[in-house]
N, C-alpha and C. Protein backbone atom coordinates (compact mmCIF):
# COMPACT_ATOMS: atom_id res chain seq x y z
N MET A 1 -24.25 8.78 -15.54
CA MET A 1 -23.66 7.53 -16.16
C MET A 1 -22.00 7.45 -16.05
N LYS A 2 -21.43 8.40 -16.04
CA LYS A 2 -19.96 8.40 -15.86
C LYS A 2 -19.56 8.11 -14.52
N GLY A 3 -20.11 8.58 -13.45
CA GLY A 3 -20.08 8.52 -12.21
C GLY A 3 -20.26 7.04 -11.85
N PHE A 4 -21.15 6.29 -12.44
CA PHE A 4 -21.57 4.68 -12.15
C PHE A 4 -20.32 3.98 -12.70
N LYS A 5 -20.05 4.58 -13.92
CA LYS A 5 -18.72 3.81 -14.66
C LYS A 5 -17.47 4.03 -13.78
N ASP A 6 -17.13 4.83 -13.27
CA ASP A 6 -16.05 5.18 -12.24
C ASP A 6 -16.10 4.49 -11.06
N PHE A 7 -17.40 4.40 -10.50
CA PHE A 7 -17.64 3.55 -9.16
C PHE A 7 -17.36 2.08 -9.68
N VAL A 8 -17.71 1.55 -10.53
CA VAL A 8 -17.68 0.16 -11.01
C VAL A 8 -16.11 -0.17 -11.43
N LEU A 9 -15.52 0.70 -12.21
CA LEU A 9 -13.89 0.37 -12.40
C LEU A 9 -13.09 0.88 -11.43
N ARG A 10 -13.75 1.26 -10.28
CA ARG A 10 -12.64 1.56 -9.04
C ARG A 10 -11.86 0.40 -8.59
N GLY A 11 -10.63 0.43 -8.42
CA GLY A 11 -9.85 -0.86 -8.12
C GLY A 11 -10.39 -1.47 -6.92
N ASN A 12 -10.91 -0.83 -5.83
CA ASN A 12 -11.37 -1.57 -4.80
C ASN A 12 -12.59 -2.60 -5.14
N LEU A 13 -13.46 -2.15 -5.94
CA LEU A 13 -14.54 -2.88 -6.21
C LEU A 13 -14.25 -4.01 -6.90
N ILE A 14 -13.23 -4.04 -7.79
CA ILE A 14 -13.00 -5.10 -8.83
C ILE A 14 -12.18 -6.11 -7.74
N GLU A 15 -11.38 -5.46 -6.87
CA GLU A 15 -10.45 -6.58 -5.75
C GLU A 15 -11.58 -7.12 -5.03
N LEU A 16 -12.68 -6.40 -4.67
CA LEU A 16 -13.52 -7.15 -3.79
C LEU A 16 -14.38 -8.12 -4.57
N ALA A 17 -14.68 -7.84 -5.83
CA ALA A 17 -15.32 -9.02 -6.53
C ALA A 17 -14.51 -10.13 -6.82
N VAL A 18 -13.34 -9.98 -6.96
CA VAL A 18 -12.31 -11.08 -7.27
C VAL A 18 -12.15 -12.10 -5.91
N ALA A 19 -12.09 -11.32 -4.85
CA ALA A 19 -11.96 -11.90 -3.48
C ALA A 19 -13.34 -12.65 -3.34
N PHE A 20 -14.68 -12.17 -3.50
CA PHE A 20 -15.62 -12.68 -3.40
C PHE A 20 -15.71 -14.11 -4.33
N ILE A 21 -15.49 -13.90 -5.65
CA ILE A 21 -15.49 -15.20 -6.42
C ILE A 21 -14.52 -16.26 -5.90
N MET A 22 -13.26 -15.66 -5.63
CA MET A 22 -12.42 -16.64 -5.00
C MET A 22 -12.87 -17.56 -3.63
N ALA A 23 -13.57 -16.61 -2.65
CA ALA A 23 -13.91 -17.26 -1.57
C ALA A 23 -15.28 -18.14 -1.86
N VAL A 24 -15.97 -18.00 -2.84
CA VAL A 24 -17.06 -18.85 -3.36
C VAL A 24 -16.25 -20.32 -3.81
N ALA A 25 -15.41 -20.11 -4.58
CA ALA A 25 -14.76 -21.38 -5.13
C ALA A 25 -14.11 -21.90 -3.98
N PHE A 26 -13.35 -21.29 -3.08
CA PHE A 26 -12.92 -21.96 -1.96
C PHE A 26 -13.84 -22.81 -1.02
N THR A 27 -14.90 -22.38 -0.92
CA THR A 27 -15.95 -22.90 -0.05
C THR A 27 -16.19 -24.30 -0.49
N THR A 28 -16.13 -24.74 -1.75
CA THR A 28 -16.21 -26.06 -2.12
C THR A 28 -15.03 -26.88 -1.36
N VAL A 29 -13.84 -26.35 -1.37
CA VAL A 29 -12.82 -27.07 -0.66
C VAL A 29 -12.92 -27.30 0.71
N VAL A 30 -13.38 -26.20 1.39
CA VAL A 30 -13.49 -26.23 2.84
C VAL A 30 -14.83 -27.25 3.21
N THR A 31 -15.87 -27.18 2.31
CA THR A 31 -17.09 -28.02 2.55
C THR A 31 -16.54 -29.46 2.42
N ALA A 32 -15.71 -29.86 1.33
CA ALA A 32 -15.30 -31.25 1.27
C ALA A 32 -14.51 -31.71 2.25
N THR A 33 -13.65 -30.71 2.74
CA THR A 33 -12.67 -31.17 3.92
C THR A 33 -13.71 -31.27 5.20
N VAL A 34 -14.60 -30.77 5.58
CA VAL A 34 -15.51 -30.69 6.77
C VAL A 34 -16.39 -32.16 6.43
N THR A 35 -16.83 -32.48 5.21
CA THR A 35 -17.47 -33.55 4.77
C THR A 35 -16.59 -34.97 5.32
N MET A 36 -15.28 -34.65 4.80
CA MET A 36 -14.31 -35.83 4.93
C MET A 36 -14.18 -35.91 6.56
N ILE A 37 -14.22 -35.04 7.33
CA ILE A 37 -13.89 -35.09 8.71
C ILE A 37 -15.22 -35.67 9.30
N MET A 38 -16.28 -35.19 8.91
CA MET A 38 -17.65 -35.75 9.43
C MET A 38 -17.73 -37.33 9.17
N ASP A 39 -17.21 -37.62 7.97
CA ASP A 39 -17.32 -39.15 7.63
C ASP A 39 -16.36 -39.84 8.54
N VAL A 40 -15.28 -39.26 8.82
CA VAL A 40 -14.25 -39.95 9.68
C VAL A 40 -14.69 -40.10 11.14
N LEU A 41 -15.51 -38.95 11.60
CA LEU A 41 -16.15 -39.08 12.87
C LEU A 41 -17.20 -40.23 12.84
N GLY A 42 -17.95 -40.22 11.86
CA GLY A 42 -19.00 -41.21 11.63
C GLY A 42 -18.62 -42.55 11.52
N GLU A 43 -17.33 -42.89 11.15
CA GLU A 43 -16.92 -43.99 11.18
C GLU A 43 -16.32 -44.54 12.50
N LEU A 44 -15.66 -43.49 13.33
CA LEU A 44 -15.24 -43.85 14.56
C LEU A 44 -16.29 -43.79 15.47
N GLY A 45 -17.35 -42.91 15.64
CA GLY A 45 -18.33 -43.07 16.78
C GLY A 45 -19.84 -42.83 16.40
N GLY A 46 -20.07 -43.38 14.91
CA GLY A 46 -21.43 -43.29 14.59
C GLY A 46 -21.60 -41.89 13.86
N THR A 47 -22.56 -42.00 12.98
CA THR A 47 -22.78 -40.90 12.10
C THR A 47 -23.49 -39.61 12.89
N PRO A 48 -22.56 -38.55 12.80
CA PRO A 48 -22.83 -37.26 13.59
C PRO A 48 -24.24 -36.52 13.16
N ASP A 49 -25.27 -37.30 13.19
CA ASP A 49 -26.37 -36.61 12.66
C ASP A 49 -27.59 -36.64 13.75
N PHE A 50 -27.85 -35.74 14.33
CA PHE A 50 -28.73 -35.65 15.57
C PHE A 50 -30.19 -35.21 15.10
N SER A 51 -30.41 -35.34 13.91
CA SER A 51 -31.70 -34.67 13.42
C SER A 51 -32.75 -35.24 14.02
N HIS A 52 -32.87 -36.62 14.63
CA HIS A 52 -33.90 -37.31 15.27
C HIS A 52 -34.03 -37.14 16.95
N TYR A 53 -33.01 -36.14 17.21
CA TYR A 53 -32.96 -36.22 18.69
C TYR A 53 -33.85 -35.16 19.08
N ARG A 54 -34.93 -35.60 20.07
CA ARG A 54 -35.85 -34.77 20.53
C ARG A 54 -36.03 -34.81 22.06
N PRO A 55 -35.17 -34.25 22.84
CA PRO A 55 -35.47 -34.33 24.31
C PRO A 55 -36.73 -33.64 24.67
N GLY A 56 -37.73 -34.10 25.55
CA GLY A 56 -38.87 -33.57 25.66
C GLY A 56 -39.82 -33.08 24.63
N GLY A 57 -39.60 -33.61 23.71
CA GLY A 57 -40.36 -33.21 22.22
C GLY A 57 -39.87 -32.07 21.64
N VAL A 58 -38.91 -31.48 21.96
CA VAL A 58 -38.28 -30.20 21.38
C VAL A 58 -37.14 -30.77 20.33
N HIS A 59 -37.33 -30.28 19.11
CA HIS A 59 -36.65 -30.57 17.96
C HIS A 59 -35.19 -29.68 18.02
N VAL A 60 -34.13 -30.19 18.81
CA VAL A 60 -33.16 -29.64 18.86
C VAL A 60 -31.74 -30.65 18.02
N GLY A 61 -32.29 -31.51 17.38
CA GLY A 61 -31.27 -32.37 16.74
C GLY A 61 -30.68 -31.64 15.34
N ASP A 62 -31.45 -30.88 14.66
CA ASP A 62 -31.08 -30.30 13.54
C ASP A 62 -29.87 -29.08 13.86
N PHE A 63 -30.30 -28.39 15.20
CA PHE A 63 -29.36 -27.42 15.61
C PHE A 63 -27.95 -28.05 16.08
N LEU A 64 -28.24 -29.22 16.62
CA LEU A 64 -26.79 -29.85 17.10
C LEU A 64 -26.10 -30.39 15.99
N THR A 65 -26.65 -30.85 14.97
CA THR A 65 -25.95 -31.12 13.73
C THR A 65 -25.36 -30.01 13.28
N ALA A 66 -26.04 -28.95 12.84
CA ALA A 66 -25.43 -27.68 12.43
C ALA A 66 -24.35 -27.11 13.34
N LEU A 67 -24.57 -27.23 14.64
CA LEU A 67 -23.35 -26.76 15.59
C LEU A 67 -22.27 -27.44 15.36
N VAL A 68 -22.27 -28.96 15.31
CA VAL A 68 -21.02 -29.67 15.11
C VAL A 68 -20.49 -29.51 13.93
N ALA A 69 -21.27 -29.43 12.79
CA ALA A 69 -20.57 -29.03 11.48
C ALA A 69 -19.85 -27.66 11.50
N PHE A 70 -20.60 -26.69 12.12
CA PHE A 70 -19.95 -25.33 12.36
C PHE A 70 -18.63 -25.47 12.97
N LEU A 71 -18.57 -26.25 14.13
CA LEU A 71 -17.45 -26.17 14.90
C LEU A 71 -16.37 -26.89 14.13
N ILE A 72 -16.55 -27.85 13.19
CA ILE A 72 -15.64 -28.66 12.56
C ILE A 72 -15.11 -27.79 11.40
N LEU A 73 -16.08 -26.84 11.12
CA LEU A 73 -15.79 -26.02 9.83
C LEU A 73 -14.72 -24.81 10.39
N SER A 74 -15.17 -24.35 11.51
CA SER A 74 -14.26 -23.32 12.15
C SER A 74 -12.80 -23.83 12.40
N ALA A 75 -12.84 -25.16 12.90
CA ALA A 75 -11.55 -25.74 13.27
C ALA A 75 -10.62 -25.81 11.87
N VAL A 76 -11.28 -26.32 10.70
CA VAL A 76 -10.73 -26.42 9.47
C VAL A 76 -10.22 -24.96 9.20
N VAL A 77 -10.98 -24.04 9.07
CA VAL A 77 -10.41 -22.66 8.63
C VAL A 77 -9.53 -22.22 9.56
N TYR A 78 -9.32 -22.43 10.93
CA TYR A 78 -8.40 -21.83 11.84
C TYR A 78 -7.17 -22.65 11.34
N PHE A 79 -7.05 -23.80 11.55
CA PHE A 79 -5.99 -24.62 11.34
C PHE A 79 -5.56 -24.64 10.05
N GLY A 80 -6.27 -24.68 8.99
CA GLY A 80 -5.93 -24.57 7.59
C GLY A 80 -5.51 -23.43 7.09
N ILE A 81 -6.02 -22.34 7.45
CA ILE A 81 -5.90 -21.07 6.85
C ILE A 81 -5.14 -20.13 7.86
N ILE A 82 -5.87 -19.93 8.99
CA ILE A 82 -5.33 -18.44 9.74
C ILE A 82 -4.02 -19.01 10.42
N VAL A 83 -3.78 -20.34 11.00
CA VAL A 83 -2.48 -20.53 11.50
C VAL A 83 -1.41 -20.47 10.59
N PRO A 84 -1.45 -21.17 9.37
CA PRO A 84 -0.43 -21.08 8.50
C PRO A 84 -0.14 -19.66 8.01
N TYR A 85 -1.18 -18.82 7.74
CA TYR A 85 -1.16 -17.38 7.21
C TYR A 85 -0.36 -16.67 8.35
N THR A 86 -0.62 -16.72 9.57
CA THR A 86 -0.07 -15.96 10.67
C THR A 86 1.46 -16.17 10.81
N LEU A 87 1.75 -17.60 10.52
CA LEU A 87 3.13 -17.91 10.65
C LEU A 87 4.05 -17.59 9.41
N ALA A 88 3.45 -17.56 8.28
CA ALA A 88 4.02 -17.15 6.92
C ALA A 88 4.34 -15.44 7.07
N ARG A 89 3.23 -14.78 7.75
CA ARG A 89 3.58 -13.51 7.80
C ARG A 89 4.43 -12.93 8.79
N GLU A 90 4.56 -13.89 9.98
CA GLU A 90 5.64 -13.69 10.80
C GLU A 90 7.00 -13.79 10.30
N ARG A 91 6.85 -15.05 9.47
CA ARG A 91 8.21 -15.24 8.85
C ARG A 91 8.76 -14.22 8.01
N MET A 92 7.77 -13.62 7.11
CA MET A 92 8.06 -12.63 6.25
C MET A 92 8.49 -11.23 7.02
N ASN A 93 7.95 -10.86 8.11
CA ASN A 93 8.21 -9.82 8.94
C ASN A 93 9.19 -9.88 9.75
N ARG A 94 10.15 -11.01 9.93
CA ARG A 94 11.17 -11.23 10.88
C ARG A 94 12.22 -10.48 10.48
N GLY A 95 12.51 -10.17 9.57
CA GLY A 95 13.75 -9.35 8.97
C GLY A 95 13.62 -7.91 9.25
N THR A 96 12.42 -7.44 9.23
CA THR A 96 12.21 -5.86 9.34
C THR A 96 12.07 -5.64 10.91
N SER A 97 12.61 -4.61 11.21
CA SER A 97 12.67 -4.24 12.48
C SER A 97 11.53 -3.05 12.86
N ALA A 98 11.30 -2.93 14.12
CA ALA A 98 10.13 -1.93 14.35
C ALA A 98 10.91 -0.53 15.08
N GLU A 99 11.89 -0.23 14.11
CA GLU A 99 12.53 1.23 14.53
C GLU A 99 11.72 2.13 14.32
N PRO A 100 11.66 3.24 15.08
CA PRO A 100 10.87 4.53 14.79
C PRO A 100 11.48 5.04 13.56
N SER A 101 10.65 5.71 12.89
CA SER A 101 11.13 6.47 11.54
C SER A 101 12.12 7.72 11.83
N PRO A 102 12.89 8.00 11.24
CA PRO A 102 13.82 9.01 11.48
C PRO A 102 13.09 10.51 11.55
N VAL A 103 13.30 11.42 12.41
CA VAL A 103 12.54 12.66 12.47
C VAL A 103 12.92 13.62 11.50
N THR A 104 12.05 13.93 10.86
CA THR A 104 12.20 15.08 9.77
C THR A 104 12.62 16.42 10.32
N GLU A 105 13.39 17.14 9.30
CA GLU A 105 13.78 18.36 9.73
C GLU A 105 12.85 19.37 10.29
N ASP A 106 11.58 19.35 9.55
CA ASP A 106 10.33 20.26 9.95
C ASP A 106 9.89 19.84 11.49
N VAL A 107 9.81 18.49 11.71
CA VAL A 107 9.37 18.15 13.06
C VAL A 107 10.31 18.49 14.06
N ALA A 108 11.51 18.41 13.72
CA ALA A 108 12.81 18.80 14.54
C ALA A 108 12.56 20.25 14.97
N LEU A 109 12.33 21.22 14.05
CA LEU A 109 12.25 22.43 14.35
C LEU A 109 11.12 22.79 14.95
N LEU A 110 9.96 22.07 14.83
CA LEU A 110 8.62 22.39 15.61
C LEU A 110 8.84 21.92 17.13
N THR A 111 9.56 20.77 17.03
CA THR A 111 9.75 20.39 18.52
C THR A 111 10.74 21.52 19.30
N GLU A 112 11.76 21.98 18.67
CA GLU A 112 12.57 23.05 19.04
C GLU A 112 11.81 24.14 19.59
N ILE A 113 11.00 24.58 18.56
CA ILE A 113 10.17 25.97 19.01
C ILE A 113 9.26 25.61 20.29
N ARG A 114 8.77 24.36 20.31
CA ARG A 114 7.87 24.20 21.33
C ARG A 114 8.63 24.22 22.72
N ASP A 115 9.77 23.51 22.60
CA ASP A 115 10.73 23.56 23.87
C ASP A 115 11.11 24.90 24.21
N LEU A 116 11.50 25.87 23.23
CA LEU A 116 11.73 27.29 23.52
C LEU A 116 10.63 27.85 24.21
N LEU A 117 9.32 27.76 23.59
CA LEU A 117 8.10 28.24 24.28
C LEU A 117 7.85 27.73 25.54
N ALA A 118 8.06 26.52 25.76
CA ALA A 118 7.83 26.07 27.13
C ALA A 118 8.73 26.61 28.21
N GLY A 119 9.96 26.95 27.77
CA GLY A 119 10.94 27.46 28.82
C GLY A 119 10.81 29.08 29.17
N ARG A 120 10.01 29.67 28.21
CA ARG A 120 9.73 31.02 28.68
C ARG A 120 8.96 31.16 29.93
N THR A 121 9.15 32.21 30.72
CA THR A 121 8.50 32.39 31.87
C THR A 121 6.80 32.68 31.57
N ALA A 122 6.15 32.03 32.39
CA ALA A 122 4.65 32.10 32.35
C ALA A 122 3.99 33.63 32.63
N ASP A 123 4.78 34.29 33.57
CA ASP A 123 4.46 35.72 34.15
C ASP A 123 4.37 36.58 33.15
N PRO A 124 3.29 37.53 33.08
CA PRO A 124 3.49 38.48 32.07
C PRO A 124 4.41 39.70 32.66
N PRO A 125 4.63 40.66 31.80
CA PRO A 125 5.67 41.53 32.23
C PRO A 125 4.70 42.73 33.37
N THR A 126 5.23 43.26 34.33
CA THR A 126 4.74 43.89 35.14
C THR A 126 4.44 45.39 34.80
N GLU A 127 5.30 45.85 34.00
CA GLU A 127 5.28 47.20 33.46
C GLU A 127 4.58 47.26 32.12
N PRO A 128 3.76 48.16 31.82
CA PRO A 128 3.25 48.20 30.37
C PRO A 128 4.17 48.48 29.57
N GLY A 129 4.29 48.05 28.36
CA GLY A 129 5.24 48.17 27.34
C GLY A 129 6.62 47.56 27.54
N ALA A 130 6.82 46.90 28.71
CA ALA A 130 8.04 46.19 28.99
C ALA A 130 8.02 44.82 28.31
N ASN A 131 9.26 44.65 27.59
CA ASN A 131 9.46 43.55 26.76
C ASN A 131 9.93 42.18 27.68
N PRO A 132 9.40 41.06 27.53
CA PRO A 132 9.75 39.85 28.25
C PRO A 132 11.23 39.40 27.83
N PRO A 133 11.88 38.95 28.85
CA PRO A 133 13.33 38.53 28.78
C PRO A 133 13.30 37.64 27.67
N ARG A 134 14.43 37.59 26.87
CA ARG A 134 14.85 36.53 25.82
C ARG A 134 15.99 35.83 26.12
């Protein structure tokens, strides 16, 4: 039971639950926006309802209506959420530079050791017991 309690109370699960609740609540806003756009399109060029469209007896009207609604929903999400979020993130990151982090002392020492080892001769000593030059 303790393991389940730890799992449920872990921060990631709580954050995910909050994000899910907010997404469900935000769905009504996006749906209302799409409905408004569909109504405007209906006023401009007729109601975008293709449910009675059946070329050759094939019922494709519901699919076309859902496709138009999906494309409008995608446009609303992209231009209403993604574009402003990207612009805000770029604006916040504008002051930070992409300079590489300074090399720590241990990495510098390891690099020096690597370079010294690479500079040694690759030929083994010719005489047994002879030490390689240093």
